[in-house]
Amino acid sequence: MPILGNAAVVMWWTVADEYRTEFHEWHSKEHLPERLGIPGFHRGSRWQREGNGDFFVMYELESYDTLTSDAYLARLNNPTSWSTKMMPRHSGMIRSQSRIVASSGCGIATYMATIRLSPMPGQDNALETFLKTSLIASLEQVGIVGAHLVRTDTPQSSETAEQRIRGGDAVADWVVLLSGHSRAALEDVRATSLSPAVLISNGAQSEQRSDIFRLVHAVTPQDV
């Protein structure tokens, strides 16, 4: 799954059982079309961890400047009544406005593994070099079709109305994204070439978070 553009917003949160049906309706029928109507938004996708209410959402953007565009900020500061109702139900919100460091692959697949990590002090270059090499190598594995690295670079801007409704957002730092049509292939990479121990030995901090999500809905501007 090549990331479409040079920037992205990547997010994780949890929705409680009692709100999940309405959440899916809102996000598919209002929120994704709204976001993909903003100039510079190339694709939005929602992914869910099987068996619970953990979600991963990604918006792929034309450029980093899209993050501070008038059109995007206008939406963030003027949420609809339905968004205003749903935003407080995003529990444990992590929202990272990011630059694309590396992106390889073709198409969009069923599963997405996300690995959140940070470099040890002074190990940025070593870790980045290792990850770029490892991600390209992972595409040779049967069942994996996309491999990407993004780094958070939060733009200087005021807190938006949506952020205030949610009570503020946490951020990730570096994020590895692996997509494929085989969950087993993603699990294998997480356990071997991109395991916590291997990442640490190549310059990553010990605090990491790795999950696998299944695609629920993806939208492009041509769909709305």
Protein backbone atom coordinates (compact mmCIF):
# COMPACT_ATOMS: atom_id res chain seq x y z
CA MET A 1 0.00 0.00 0.00
CA PRO A 2 2.03 3.01 -1.14
CA ILE A 3 1.14 6.03 0.93
CA LEU A 4 -0.50 8.57 -1.36
CA GLY A 5 1.40 11.82 -0.86
CA ASN A 6 4.17 13.08 1.40
CA ALA A 7 2.37 13.37 4.75
CA ALA A 8 -0.18 11.55 6.87
CA VAL A 9 -2.30 11.74 9.98
CA VAL A 10 -2.14 8.43 11.87
CA MET A 11 -4.40 7.82 14.85
CA TRP A 12 -5.33 5.17 17.40
CA TRP A 13 -8.23 5.11 19.84
CA THR A 14 -10.78 2.85 21.50
CA VAL A 15 -14.58 2.98 21.25
CA ALA A 16 -16.68 1.29 23.92
CA ASP A 17 -19.10 -1.48 22.93
CA GLU A 18 -22.24 0.57 23.43
CA TYR A 19 -21.11 3.29 21.02
CA ARG A 20 -19.49 1.16 18.33
CA THR A 21 -22.41 0.72 15.91
CA GLU A 22 -23.07 4.46 15.79
CA PHE A 23 -19.34 5.15 15.55
CA HIS A 24 -19.02 3.01 12.42
CA GLU A 25 -22.02 4.75 10.85
CA TRP A 26 -20.72 8.22 11.66
CA HIS A 27 -17.17 7.57 10.54
CA SER A 28 -18.17 5.87 7.27
CA LYS A 29 -21.11 8.03 6.25
CA GLU A 30 -20.09 11.47 7.51
CA HIS A 31 -16.52 11.76 8.76
CA LEU A 32 -14.57 9.96 6.02
CA PRO A 33 -16.48 11.75 3.21
CA GLU A 34 -16.03 15.08 5.00
CA ARG A 35 -12.28 14.63 5.34
CA LEU A 36 -11.83 13.35 1.79
CA GLY A 37 -13.62 16.45 0.53
CA ILE A 38 -10.75 18.61 1.81
CA PRO A 39 -8.15 19.54 -0.85
CA GLY A 40 -4.95 17.57 -0.33
CA PHE A 41 -6.60 14.49 1.24
CA HIS A 42 -5.87 11.47 -0.97
CA ARG A 43 -7.19 8.53 1.04
CA GLY A 44 -8.73 7.81 4.43
CA SER A 45 -8.93 4.34 5.96
CA ARG A 46 -10.32 2.85 9.17
CA TRP A 47 -8.96 -0.37 10.63
CA GLN A 48 -10.15 -2.32 13.68
CA ARG A 49 -8.34 -4.75 15.95
CA GLU A 50 -10.34 -7.95 15.74
CA GLY A 51 -12.34 -8.79 18.83
CA ASN A 52 -12.46 -5.37 20.46
CA GLY A 53 -13.01 -1.65 19.93
CA ASP A 54 -9.42 -0.58 19.19
CA PHE A 55 -9.10 1.38 15.96
CA PHE A 56 -6.36 2.67 13.70
CA VAL A 57 -7.18 5.45 11.24
CA MET A 58 -4.95 6.97 8.60
CA TYR A 59 -5.36 9.95 6.31
CA GLU A 60 -2.87 10.17 3.45
CA LEU A 61 -2.09 13.73 2.38
CA GLU A 62 -0.65 15.46 -0.66
CA SER A 63 1.87 17.43 1.38
CA TYR A 64 2.81 18.45 4.89
CA ASP A 65 1.27 21.87 4.24
CA THR A 66 -2.16 20.22 4.04
CA LEU A 67 -2.00 19.88 7.84
CA THR A 68 -2.18 23.66 8.26
CA SER A 69 -4.34 24.49 5.25
CA ASP A 70 -7.30 26.82 5.77
CA ALA A 71 -9.71 24.16 4.53
CA TYR A 72 -8.50 21.53 7.01
CA LEU A 73 -8.36 23.89 9.98
CA ALA A 74 -11.87 25.12 9.15
CA ARG A 75 -13.18 21.57 9.53
CA LEU A 76 -11.21 20.93 12.73
CA ASN A 77 -12.60 24.10 14.28
CA ASN A 78 -16.20 23.65 13.09
CA PRO A 79 -17.18 20.05 13.83
CA THR A 80 -20.66 18.91 12.89
CA SER A 81 -23.22 18.13 15.58
CA TRP A 82 -22.69 14.42 14.99
CA SER A 83 -18.90 14.82 15.29
CA THR A 84 -19.36 16.83 18.47
CA LYS A 85 -21.38 13.94 19.87
CA MET A 86 -18.90 11.24 18.80
CA MET A 87 -15.55 12.89 19.58
CA PRO A 88 -15.76 12.39 23.39
CA ARG A 89 -16.22 8.66 22.71
CA HIS A 90 -12.68 8.40 21.28
CA SER A 91 -10.92 6.96 24.32
CA GLY A 92 -7.13 7.02 24.63
CA MET A 93 -6.72 9.15 21.52
CA ILE A 94 -3.27 9.20 19.90
CA ARG A 95 -3.04 11.51 16.88
CA SER A 96 0.22 12.04 15.02
CA GLN A 97 0.66 14.49 12.17
CA SER A 98 3.53 12.98 10.25
CA ARG A 99 5.98 13.17 7.40
CA ILE A 100 6.57 10.13 5.21
CA VAL A 101 10.15 8.88 5.57
CA ALA A 102 9.88 5.75 3.42
CA SER A 103 7.03 4.07 1.54
CA SER A 104 7.08 1.02 -0.70
CA GLY A 105 4.50 -1.42 -2.01
CA CYS A 106 1.42 -1.66 -4.16
CA GLY A 107 -2.28 -1.36 -3.35
CA ILE A 108 -4.29 -1.62 -0.14
CA ALA A 109 -4.64 -4.96 1.69
CA THR A 110 -6.67 -6.62 4.44
CA TYR A 111 -4.37 -6.24 7.45
CA MET A 112 -2.20 -3.47 8.86
CA ALA A 113 0.48 -3.87 11.50
CA THR A 114 1.45 -0.68 13.31
CA ILE A 115 4.62 -0.45 15.40
CA ARG A 116 5.06 2.70 17.49
CA LEU A 117 8.59 3.37 18.66
CA SER A 118 11.25 6.01 19.34
CA PRO A 119 15.02 6.10 18.77
CA MET A 120 17.51 6.11 21.59
CA PRO A 121 19.34 9.46 21.95
CA GLY A 122 21.82 9.81 19.13
CA GLN A 123 20.51 6.73 17.27
CA ASP A 124 18.14 8.41 14.80
CA ASN A 125 20.26 7.77 11.71
CA ALA A 126 21.16 4.21 12.65
CA LEU A 127 17.55 3.27 13.39
CA GLU A 128 16.23 4.94 10.25
CA THR A 129 18.79 3.14 8.07
CA PHE A 130 17.94 -0.21 9.65
CA LEU A 131 14.19 0.30 9.27
CA LYS A 132 14.42 1.36 5.63
CA THR A 133 16.42 -1.74 4.80
CA SER A 134 14.17 -4.03 6.83
CA LEU A 135 10.96 -2.64 5.35
CA ILE A 136 12.14 -3.21 1.80
CA ALA A 137 13.18 -6.74 2.74
CA SER A 138 9.77 -7.43 4.30
CA LEU A 139 8.09 -6.94 0.92
CA GLU A 140 9.83 -10.10 -0.30
CA GLN A 141 7.79 -12.12 2.19
CA VAL A 142 4.67 -13.82 0.84
CA GLY A 143 1.56 -11.98 1.99
CA ILE A 144 3.05 -8.52 2.59
CA VAL A 145 2.30 -5.76 0.07
CA GLY A 146 3.19 -2.46 1.76
CA ALA A 147 5.91 -1.20 4.09
CA HIS A 148 6.23 2.36 5.38
CA LEU A 149 7.93 4.56 7.96
CA VAL A 150 6.44 7.85 9.17
CA ARG A 151 7.76 10.31 11.73
CA THR A 152 5.64 12.70 13.74
CA ASP A 153 6.28 16.38 13.07
CA THR A 154 3.52 18.32 14.80
CA PRO A 155 2.93 21.66 13.08
CA GLN A 156 2.88 24.85 15.12
CA SER A 157 -0.82 25.66 15.44
CA SER A 158 -3.38 26.37 18.12
CA GLU A 159 -5.46 23.64 19.72
CA THR A 160 -8.50 22.98 17.57
CA ALA A 161 -12.15 22.69 18.61
CA GLU A 162 -12.08 18.94 17.96
CA GLN A 163 -9.06 18.51 20.22
CA ARG A 164 -10.77 20.46 22.98
CA ILE A 165 -13.86 18.26 22.68
CA ARG A 166 -11.69 15.14 23.05
CA GLY A 167 -9.77 16.65 25.96
CA GLY A 168 -6.42 16.77 24.17
CA ASP A 169 -4.55 14.12 22.20
CA ALA A 170 -1.40 12.13 22.84
CA VAL A 171 1.11 11.63 19.99
CA ALA A 172 3.27 8.79 18.71
CA ASP A 173 6.86 9.36 17.55
CA TRP A 174 8.04 7.02 14.80
CA VAL A 175 5.57 4.59 13.24
CA VAL A 176 6.24 1.50 11.13
CA LEU A 177 3.29 0.42 8.97
CA LEU A 178 3.13 -3.00 7.32
CA SER A 179 0.12 -4.06 5.25
CA GLY A 180 -0.69 -7.41 3.70
CA HIS A 181 -3.30 -10.01 2.87
CA SER A 182 -1.77 -12.50 5.33
CA ARG A 183 -2.07 -11.84 9.04
CA ALA A 184 0.39 -14.66 9.68
CA ALA A 185 3.02 -12.92 7.54
CA LEU A 186 2.67 -9.72 9.55
CA GLU A 187 2.88 -11.64 12.81
CA ASP A 188 6.03 -13.38 11.59
CA VAL A 189 7.78 -10.10 10.78
CA ARG A 190 6.79 -8.66 14.17
CA ALA A 191 8.28 -11.72 15.85
CA THR A 192 11.50 -11.86 13.84
CA SER A 193 13.05 -9.04 11.76
CA LEU A 194 11.09 -6.29 13.54
CA SER A 195 10.77 -7.84 16.98
CA PRO A 196 11.21 -5.60 20.04
CA ALA A 197 14.64 -7.09 20.74
CA VAL A 198 15.85 -6.54 17.18
CA LEU A 199 14.55 -2.97 17.17
CA ILE A 200 16.32 -2.25 20.47
CA SER A 201 19.57 -3.70 19.14
CA ASN A 202 19.33 -1.29 16.20
CA GLY A 203 18.77 1.86 18.19
CA ALA A 204 15.15 1.86 19.37
CA GLN A 205 14.01 2.53 22.90
CA SER A 206 12.51 -0.37 24.84
CA GLU A 207 9.06 1.24 25.07
CA GLN A 208 7.21 0.09 21.95
CA ARG A 209 3.64 -0.76 20.95
CA SER A 210 2.73 -3.19 18.17
CA ASP A 211 -0.77 -4.15 16.96
CA ILE A 212 -2.49 -5.72 13.95
CA PHE A 213 -5.73 -4.29 12.56
CA ARG A 214 -8.18 -5.41 9.87
CA LEU A 215 -9.47 -3.01 7.22
CA VAL A 216 -13.03 -1.80 7.73
CA HIS A 217 -13.47 1.04 5.21
CA ALA A 218 -11.29 3.09 2.87
CA VAL A 219 -12.33 6.19 0.92
CA THR A 220 -10.71 8.38 -1.76
CA PRO A 221 -11.92 11.74 -3.12
CA GLN A 222 -13.31 9.92 -6.18
CA ASP A 223 -15.70 8.04 -3.88
CA VAL A 224 -17.42 11.11 -2.43
